Amino acid sequence: MAIGVRPLKYLLGWLIAGTRGGVTRAKIIEALLENPQNANQLANTLGMDYRTIRHHLKILQKNRIITTAGDGYGTTYFLTVEMEENYDIFKEILNKLWKKQKREKKK
């Protein structure tokens, strides 16, 4: 594992699988990989409340998972280079989360 990858793995594990809003943050990350968007576009794409999206964008930006270009209403969000380079780690965490949720539903 390269330097910096292990801390990113722990950070993503906490942001996605370890907190209540993890599923929403995972959806945002997946959407931004496909297409950088502003908060309003993300809210429409994901069918979620604008304020909820803004909250999760702030968390992802604070933790250096996403970055921005522009300002104000035109602020566009996209994944950081580090996140793009380590997207496989995110997918691994996400797969474990989905498997866990499926097991819990069967109970």
Protein backbone atom coordinates (compact mmCIF):
# COMPACT_ATOMS: atom_id res chain seq x y z
CA MET A 1 0.00 0.00 0.00
CA ALA A 2 1.43 3.37 -1.02
CA ILE A 3 2.08 6.13 1.47
CA GLY A 4 -1.13 8.03 2.12
CA VAL A 5 -3.38 5.22 0.89
CA ARG A 6 -3.89 3.64 4.30
CA PRO A 7 -5.09 6.90 5.93
CA LEU A 8 -7.39 7.47 2.93
CA LYS A 9 -8.81 3.98 3.37
CA TYR A 10 -9.57 4.68 7.04
CA LEU A 11 -11.01 8.11 6.23
CA LEU A 12 -13.30 6.70 3.53
CA GLY A 13 -14.31 3.85 5.80
CA TRP A 14 -15.40 6.34 8.41
CA LEU A 15 -17.07 8.76 5.97
CA ILE A 16 -18.96 6.04 4.09
CA ALA A 17 -19.49 3.07 6.39
CA GLY A 18 -18.98 4.60 9.82
CA THR A 19 -21.46 7.46 9.87
CA ARG A 20 -25.18 7.97 9.27
CA GLY A 21 -24.82 10.00 6.07
CA GLY A 22 -22.39 7.58 4.45
CA VAL A 23 -24.78 6.30 1.82
CA THR A 24 -25.58 9.84 0.68
CA ARG A 25 -21.88 10.71 0.54
CA ALA A 26 -21.21 7.54 -1.49
CA LYS A 27 -23.91 8.54 -3.99
CA ILE A 28 -22.36 12.00 -4.30
CA ILE A 29 -18.88 10.56 -4.90
CA GLU A 30 -20.22 8.20 -7.59
CA ALA A 31 -22.11 11.03 -9.29
CA LEU A 32 -19.08 13.32 -9.28
CA LEU A 33 -16.85 10.64 -10.78
CA GLU A 34 -19.19 10.46 -13.76
CA ASN A 35 -19.70 14.20 -14.12
CA PRO A 36 -18.54 17.22 -12.07
CA GLN A 37 -21.64 19.18 -11.02
CA ASN A 38 -22.83 22.04 -8.86
CA ALA A 39 -24.95 21.43 -5.74
CA ASN A 40 -28.24 22.08 -7.51
CA GLN A 41 -27.39 19.66 -10.32
CA LEU A 42 -26.39 17.02 -7.76
CA ALA A 43 -29.66 17.50 -5.86
CA ASN A 44 -31.60 16.97 -9.08
CA THR A 45 -29.45 14.04 -10.22
CA LEU A 46 -29.82 12.24 -6.90
CA GLY A 47 -33.40 13.34 -6.22
CA MET A 48 -32.42 14.77 -2.84
CA ASP A 49 -32.89 18.00 -0.92
CA TYR A 50 -30.48 20.80 -1.89
CA ARG A 51 -29.58 21.60 1.74
CA THR A 52 -28.78 17.93 2.41
CA ILE A 53 -26.48 17.84 -0.59
CA ARG A 54 -24.74 21.06 0.52
CA HIS A 55 -24.18 19.58 4.00
CA HIS A 56 -22.53 16.45 2.62
CA LEU A 57 -20.49 18.43 0.08
CA LYS A 58 -19.04 20.48 2.95
CA ILE A 59 -18.06 17.29 4.80
CA LEU A 60 -16.47 15.77 1.70
CA GLN A 61 -14.62 18.99 0.91
CA LYS A 62 -13.40 19.38 4.49
CA ASN A 63 -11.97 15.86 4.31
CA ARG A 64 -10.32 16.52 0.92
CA ILE A 65 -12.38 13.96 -0.98
CA ILE A 66 -13.77 16.60 -3.33
CA THR A 67 -12.61 20.00 -4.49
CA THR A 68 -14.22 22.95 -6.28
CA ALA A 69 -13.86 25.25 -9.23
CA GLY A 70 -15.64 28.58 -9.48
CA ASP A 71 -17.57 30.32 -6.74
CA GLY A 72 -21.08 31.15 -5.66
CA TYR A 73 -23.93 29.44 -7.48
CA GLY A 74 -21.55 28.33 -10.23
CA THR A 75 -19.29 26.37 -7.87
CA THR A 76 -18.61 23.02 -9.50
CA TYR A 77 -17.60 20.06 -7.38
CA PHE A 78 -15.35 17.23 -8.51
CA LEU A 79 -13.21 14.51 -6.99
CA THR A 80 -9.68 15.32 -5.91
CA VAL A 81 -6.83 13.73 -7.84
CA GLU A 82 -6.02 11.54 -4.81
CA MET A 83 -9.60 10.31 -4.65
CA GLU A 84 -9.69 9.52 -8.36
CA GLU A 85 -6.38 7.66 -8.13
CA ASN A 86 -7.68 5.60 -5.20
CA TYR A 87 -11.26 5.10 -6.39
CA ASP A 88 -10.82 1.31 -6.09
CA ILE A 89 -10.50 1.71 -2.30
CA PHE A 90 -13.83 3.53 -2.26
CA LYS A 91 -15.48 0.79 -4.35
CA GLU A 92 -14.11 -1.87 -1.99
CA ILE A 93 -15.60 -0.08 1.04
CA LEU A 94 -18.87 0.46 -0.80
CA ASN A 95 -19.15 -3.22 -1.75
CA LYS A 96 -18.62 -4.26 1.87
CA LEU A 97 -21.30 -1.77 2.96
CA TRP A 98 -23.85 -3.10 0.43
CA LYS A 99 -23.13 -6.71 1.46
CA LYS A 100 -23.61 -5.77 5.12
CA GLN A 101 -26.91 -4.05 4.37
CA LYS A 102 -28.16 -7.09 2.42
CA ARG A 103 -27.30 -9.38 5.33
CA GLU A 104 -29.13 -7.10 7.77
CA LYS A 105 -32.25 -7.03 5.57
CA LYS A 106 -32.39 -10.83 5.54
CA LYS A 107 -32.52 -10.96 9.35
